[in-house]
Amino acid sequence: MKLIFIYGPPAVGKLTVAEKLSELSGIPLFHNHVTRDLVQDIYGDGIAENYDLVRDIRNLVLSYCAKNDTDLIFTYVYGGAEDDEHVRKMKSSVEDNGGEAVFVELTAERADLLVRVNGESRKRYKKLHDAKILEKLTEDMEKFSIPFIEKTAIDTSKYSSDEVAKMIQELL
């Protein structure tokens, strides 16, 4: 099993690229909003207090897919050191069950993120679509980079989502 773990800041194009990669490769997409939105649908504004359920579902799916040799594409927003334990657990859920995790960090110019955050595609899921909130969140762009894993970084300000998906496919 191979997990393609695509991560980066909000509005960098993770889902768009992951969808295109899934089309190109035939690998199923398990994006971060599948679990987040499920728990939010159950707990509403209480999602923060119940985020362990989001993490548990993710790890269960990753473990199951690794045990059953099912490749998977996953998207994630890494928010800094507070996410380290969760990233390590997801990586272990794959590797402890015979799989391999391939990490791809999507980056972009901050100005591009602030333009993209208002896109219609972001409203399909309960994604952040407020430029003022994103502006505050992206004051430190370095916090979106996982420091302890090997990764390939791709700047989505320089390449189209189709080009990025093809670049990732070449890594596989």
C-alpha atoms as a PDB file:
ATOM      1  CA  MET A   1       0.000   0.000   0.000  1.00  0.00           C
ATOM      2  CA  LYS A   2       1.162   3.476  -0.825  1.00  0.00           C
ATOM      3  CA  LEU A   3      -0.283   6.537   0.908  1.00  0.00           C
ATOM      4  CA  ILE A   4       0.200   9.781  -0.997  1.00  0.00           C
ATOM      5  CA  PHE A   5      -0.007  12.344   1.797  1.00  0.00           C
ATOM      6  CA  ILE A   6      -0.584  15.777   0.240  1.00  0.00           C
ATOM      7  CA  TYR A   7      -0.400  18.662   2.672  1.00  0.00           C
ATOM      8  CA  GLY A   8       0.024  22.420   2.848  1.00  0.00           C
ATOM      9  CA  PRO A   9      -1.752  25.591   3.949  1.00  0.00           C
ATOM     10  CA  PRO A  10      -5.442  26.297   3.300  1.00  0.00           C
ATOM     11  CA  ALA A  11      -6.220  27.273  -0.326  1.00  0.00           C
ATOM     12  CA  VAL A  12      -2.936  25.885  -1.709  1.00  0.00           C
ATOM     13  CA  GLY A  13      -4.836  23.475  -3.964  1.00  0.00           C
ATOM     14  CA  LYS A  14      -4.567  20.182  -2.077  1.00  0.00           C
ATOM     15  CA  LEU A  15      -8.010  18.879  -2.978  1.00  0.00           C
ATOM     16  CA  THR A  16      -7.888  20.107  -6.576  1.00  0.00           C
ATOM     17  CA  VAL A  17      -4.516  18.431  -7.118  1.00  0.00           C
ATOM     18  CA  ALA A  18      -5.600  15.280  -5.253  1.00  0.00           C
ATOM     19  CA  GLU A  19      -8.736  14.969  -7.388  1.00  0.00           C
ATOM     20  CA  LYS A  20      -6.683  15.299 -10.577  1.00  0.00           C
ATOM     21  CA  LEU A  21      -4.114  12.800  -9.271  1.00  0.00           C
ATOM     22  CA  SER A  22      -6.896  10.373  -8.431  1.00  0.00           C
ATOM     23  CA  GLU A  23      -8.253  10.692 -11.995  1.00  0.00           C
ATOM     24  CA  LEU A  24      -4.797  10.145 -13.487  1.00  0.00           C
ATOM     25  CA  SER A  25      -3.750   7.258 -11.265  1.00  0.00           C
ATOM     26  CA  GLY A  26      -7.011   5.562 -10.336  1.00  0.00           C
ATOM     27  CA  ILE A  27      -5.991   5.806  -6.669  1.00  0.00           C
ATOM     28  CA  PRO A  28      -8.938   6.578  -4.366  1.00  0.00           C
ATOM     29  CA  LEU A  29      -9.046   9.957  -2.630  1.00  0.00           C
ATOM     30  CA  PHE A  30      -9.638  10.209   1.122  1.00  0.00           C
ATOM     31  CA  HIS A  31      -9.412  13.946   1.734  1.00  0.00           C
ATOM     32  CA  ASN A  32      -9.332  15.542   5.161  1.00  0.00           C
ATOM     33  CA  HIS A  33     -12.839  17.002   4.925  1.00  0.00           C
ATOM     34  CA  VAL A  34     -14.450  13.577   4.623  1.00  0.00           C
ATOM     35  CA  THR A  35     -13.781  12.896   8.310  1.00  0.00           C
ATOM     36  CA  ARG A  36     -13.868  16.496   9.511  1.00  0.00           C
ATOM     37  CA  ASP A  37     -17.242  17.198   7.931  1.00  0.00           C
ATOM     38  CA  LEU A  38     -18.679  13.902   9.181  1.00  0.00           C
ATOM     39  CA  VAL A  39     -17.825  14.781  12.780  1.00  0.00           C
ATOM     40  CA  GLN A  40     -18.984  18.371  12.303  1.00  0.00           C
ATOM     41  CA  ASP A  41     -22.316  17.099  10.954  1.00  0.00           C
ATOM     42  CA  ILE A  42     -22.735  15.104  14.161  1.00  0.00           C
ATOM     43  CA  TYR A  43     -21.385  17.633  16.686  1.00  0.00           C
ATOM     44  CA  GLY A  44     -21.864  20.987  14.920  1.00  0.00           C
ATOM     45  CA  ASP A  45     -19.972  23.724  16.693  1.00  0.00           C
ATOM     46  CA  GLY A  46     -18.622  21.097  19.107  1.00  0.00           C
ATOM     47  CA  ILE A  47     -16.215  19.688  16.542  1.00  0.00           C
ATOM     48  CA  ALA A  48     -13.143  21.002  18.393  1.00  0.00           C
ATOM     49  CA  GLU A  49     -14.083  19.096  21.543  1.00  0.00           C
ATOM     50  CA  ASN A  50     -14.631  15.951  19.471  1.00  0.00           C
ATOM     51  CA  TYR A  51     -11.629  16.134  17.138  1.00  0.00           C
ATOM     52  CA  ASP A  52     -10.266  12.877  18.559  1.00  0.00           C
ATOM     53  CA  LEU A  53     -13.068  11.166  16.635  1.00  0.00           C
ATOM     54  CA  VAL A  54     -11.793  12.743  13.390  1.00  0.00           C
ATOM     55  CA  ARG A  55      -8.294  11.437  14.119  1.00  0.00           C
ATOM     56  CA  ASP A  56      -9.530   7.983  15.128  1.00  0.00           C
ATOM     57  CA  ILE A  57     -11.528   7.587  11.906  1.00  0.00           C
ATOM     58  CA  ARG A  58      -8.549   8.695   9.811  1.00  0.00           C
ATOM     59  CA  ASN A  59      -6.192   6.250  11.519  1.00  0.00           C
ATOM     60  CA  LEU A  60      -8.683   3.406  11.239  1.00  0.00           C
ATOM     61  CA  VAL A  61      -9.092   3.998   7.497  1.00  0.00           C
ATOM     62  CA  LEU A  62      -5.326   4.299   6.939  1.00  0.00           C
ATOM     63  CA  SER A  63      -4.616   1.111   8.928  1.00  0.00           C
ATOM     64  CA  TYR A  64      -7.342  -0.798   7.118  1.00  0.00           C
ATOM     65  CA  CYS A  65      -6.147   0.304   3.679  1.00  0.00           C
ATOM     66  CA  ALA A  66      -2.536  -0.560   4.524  1.00  0.00           C
ATOM     67  CA  LYS A  67      -3.539  -4.027   5.771  1.00  0.00           C
ATOM     68  CA  ASN A  68      -5.545  -4.575   2.574  1.00  0.00           C
ATOM     69  CA  ASP A  69      -2.888  -3.147   0.227  1.00  0.00           C
ATOM     70  CA  THR A  70      -5.193  -0.365  -0.987  1.00  0.00           C
ATOM     71  CA  ASP A  71      -3.325   2.714  -2.214  1.00  0.00           C
ATOM     72  CA  LEU A  72      -4.801   5.994  -1.057  1.00  0.00           C
ATOM     73  CA  ILE A  73      -4.439   9.745  -1.561  1.00  0.00           C
ATOM     74  CA  PHE A  74      -4.938  11.831   1.579  1.00  0.00           C
ATOM     75  CA  THR A  75      -4.973  15.619   2.065  1.00  0.00           C
ATOM     76  CA  TYR A  76      -4.086  17.443   5.263  1.00  0.00           C
ATOM     77  CA  VAL A  77      -3.411  20.883   6.697  1.00  0.00           C
ATOM     78  CA  TYR A  78      -0.446  20.651   9.049  1.00  0.00           C
ATOM     79  CA  GLY A  79      -0.781  23.433  11.602  1.00  0.00           C
ATOM     80  CA  GLY A  80       2.500  23.229  13.484  1.00  0.00           C
ATOM     81  CA  ALA A  81       4.023  21.285  16.364  1.00  0.00           C
ATOM     82  CA  GLU A  82       0.614  20.561  17.906  1.00  0.00           C
ATOM     83  CA  ASP A  83      -0.039  18.247  14.921  1.00  0.00           C
ATOM     84  CA  ASP A  84       3.243  16.303  15.174  1.00  0.00           C
ATOM     85  CA  GLU A  85       1.808  13.445  17.235  1.00  0.00           C
ATOM     86  CA  HIS A  86      -1.136  13.077  14.840  1.00  0.00           C
ATOM     87  CA  VAL A  87       1.047  13.030  11.724  1.00  0.00           C
ATOM     88  CA  ARG A  88       3.332  10.454  13.330  1.00  0.00           C
ATOM     89  CA  LYS A  89       0.296   8.327  14.227  1.00  0.00           C
ATOM     90  CA  MET A  90      -1.083   8.462  10.678  1.00  0.00           C
ATOM     91  CA  LYS A  91       2.343   7.557   9.286  1.00  0.00           C
ATOM     92  CA  SER A  92       2.574   4.661  11.759  1.00  0.00           C
ATOM     93  CA  SER A  93      -0.949   3.516  10.904  1.00  0.00           C
ATOM     94  CA  VAL A  94       0.327   2.969   7.369  1.00  0.00           C
ATOM     95  CA  GLU A  95       3.872   1.752   7.989  1.00  0.00           C
ATOM     96  CA  ASP A  96       3.039  -0.566  10.898  1.00  0.00           C
ATOM     97  CA  ASN A  97       0.648  -2.359   8.559  1.00  0.00           C
ATOM     98  CA  GLY A  98       3.088  -2.838   5.687  1.00  0.00           C
ATOM     99  CA  GLY A  99       2.436   0.381   3.772  1.00  0.00           C
ATOM    100  CA  GLU A 100       4.570   3.283   2.653  1.00  0.00           C
ATOM    101  CA  ALA A 101       3.789   6.988   3.112  1.00  0.00           C
ATOM    102  CA  VAL A 102       4.921   9.441   0.421  1.00  0.00           C
ATOM    103  CA  PHE A 103       4.716  13.050   1.597  1.00  0.00           C
ATOM    104  CA  VAL A 104       4.115  15.917  -0.842  1.00  0.00           C
ATOM    105  CA  GLU A 105       4.095  19.461   0.494  1.00  0.00           C
ATOM    106  CA  LEU A 106       2.220  21.973  -1.637  1.00  0.00           C
ATOM    107  CA  THR A 107       3.358  25.560  -1.217  1.00  0.00           C
ATOM    108  CA  ALA A 108       2.262  28.832  -2.802  1.00  0.00           C
ATOM    109  CA  GLU A 109       2.779  32.535  -2.557  1.00  0.00           C
ATOM    110  CA  ARG A 110       0.699  33.947   0.277  1.00  0.00           C
ATOM    111  CA  ALA A 111      -0.943  36.440  -2.089  1.00  0.00           C
ATOM    112  CA  ASP A 112      -2.145  33.548  -4.258  1.00  0.00           C
ATOM    113  CA  LEU A 113      -3.696  31.820  -1.236  1.00  0.00           C
ATOM    114  CA  LEU A 114      -5.600  34.979  -0.328  1.00  0.00           C
ATOM    115  CA  VAL A 115      -7.070  35.142  -3.853  1.00  0.00           C
ATOM    116  CA  ARG A 116      -7.905  31.417  -4.002  1.00  0.00           C
ATOM    117  CA  VAL A 117      -9.635  31.302  -0.605  1.00  0.00           C
ATOM    118  CA  ASN A 118     -12.772  32.860  -2.096  1.00  0.00           C
ATOM    119  CA  GLY A 119     -13.104  30.267  -4.857  1.00  0.00           C
ATOM    120  CA  GLU A 120     -16.448  28.553  -5.378  1.00  0.00           C
ATOM    121  CA  SER A 121     -14.868  25.104  -5.098  1.00  0.00           C
ATOM    122  CA  ARG A 122     -14.033  25.817  -1.431  1.00  0.00           C
ATOM    123  CA  LYS A 123     -17.732  26.107  -0.589  1.00  0.00           C
ATOM    124  CA  ARG A 124     -18.443  22.551  -1.768  1.00  0.00           C
ATOM    125  CA  TYR A 125     -17.007  21.392   1.554  1.00  0.00           C
ATOM    126  CA  LYS A 126     -17.033  23.378   4.757  1.00  0.00           C
ATOM    127  CA  LYS A 127     -13.677  24.943   3.961  1.00  0.00           C
ATOM    128  CA  LEU A 128     -12.265  28.225   5.111  1.00  0.00           C
ATOM    129  CA  HIS A 129     -13.359  30.907   2.644  1.00  0.00           C
ATOM    130  CA  ASP A 130     -12.660  34.108   4.575  1.00  0.00           C
ATOM    131  CA  ALA A 131      -9.580  36.005   3.354  1.00  0.00           C
ATOM    132  CA  LYS A 132      -9.221  37.920   6.627  1.00  0.00           C
ATOM    133  CA  ILE A 133      -9.019  34.706   8.658  1.00  0.00           C
ATOM    134  CA  LEU A 134      -6.583  33.170   6.154  1.00  0.00           C
ATOM    135  CA  GLU A 135      -4.469  36.310   6.234  1.00  0.00           C
ATOM    136  CA  LYS A 136      -4.098  35.894  10.002  1.00  0.00           C
ATOM    137  CA  LEU A 137      -3.444  32.131   9.725  1.00  0.00           C
ATOM    138  CA  THR A 138      -0.718  32.607   7.125  1.00  0.00           C
ATOM    139  CA  GLU A 139       1.322  35.248   8.920  1.00  0.00           C
ATOM    140  CA  ASP A 140       3.887  32.466   9.481  1.00  0.00           C
ATOM    141  CA  MET A 141       3.914  30.305   6.361  1.00  0.00           C
ATOM    142  CA  GLU A 142       6.663  28.064   7.766  1.00  0.00           C
ATOM    143  CA  LYS A 143       4.247  26.515  10.266  1.00  0.00           C
ATOM    144  CA  PHE A 144       2.558  24.581   7.451  1.00  0.00           C
ATOM    145  CA  SER A 145       5.720  22.557   6.684  1.00  0.00           C
ATOM    146  CA  ILE A 146       6.186  19.254   8.550  1.00  0.00           C
ATOM    147  CA  PRO A 147       9.776  19.415   9.803  1.00  0.00           C
ATOM    148  CA  PHE A 148      10.449  15.757  10.626  1.00  0.00           C
ATOM    149  CA  ILE A 149       9.556  13.869   7.443  1.00  0.00           C
ATOM    150  CA  GLU A 150      11.113  13.434   4.019  1.00  0.00           C
ATOM    151  CA  LYS A 151       9.001  15.199   1.437  1.00  0.00           C
ATOM    152  CA  THR A 152       8.808  16.580  -2.056  1.00  0.00           C
ATOM    153  CA  ALA A 153       7.751  20.237  -2.146  1.00  0.00           C
ATOM    154  CA  ILE A 154       5.891  21.707  -5.134  1.00  0.00           C
ATOM    155  CA  ASP A 155       4.952  25.385  -5.525  1.00  0.00           C
ATOM    156  CA  THR A 156       1.384  25.657  -6.838  1.00  0.00           C
ATOM    157  CA  SER A 157       1.975  29.324  -7.676  1.00  0.00           C
ATOM    158  CA  LYS A 158       4.335  28.166 -10.436  1.00  0.00           C
ATOM    159  CA  TYR A 159       2.430  25.193 -11.856  1.00  0.00           C
ATOM    160  CA  SER A 160      -1.152  24.358 -12.788  1.00  0.00           C
ATOM    161  CA  SER A 161      -3.018  21.723 -10.802  1.00  0.00           C
ATOM    162  CA  ASP A 162      -2.740  19.361 -13.811  1.00  0.00           C
ATOM    163  CA  GLU A 163       1.037  19.832 -13.889  1.00  0.00           C
ATOM    164  CA  VAL A 164       1.329  19.279 -10.132  1.00  0.00           C
ATOM    165  CA  ALA A 165      -0.754  16.094 -10.324  1.00  0.00           C
ATOM    166  CA  LYS A 166       1.508  14.769 -13.099  1.00  0.00           C
ATOM    167  CA  MET A 167       4.612  15.644 -11.059  1.00  0.00           C
ATOM    168  CA  ILE A 168       3.251  13.679  -8.112  1.00  0.00           C
ATOM    169  CA  GLN A 169       2.321  10.743 -10.324  1.00  0.00           C
ATOM    170  CA  GLU A 170       5.924  10.610 -11.518  1.00  0.00           C
ATOM    171  CA  LEU A 171       7.040  10.202  -7.878  1.00  0.00           C
ATOM    172  CA  LEU A 172       5.019   7.017  -7.587  1.00  0.00           C
END
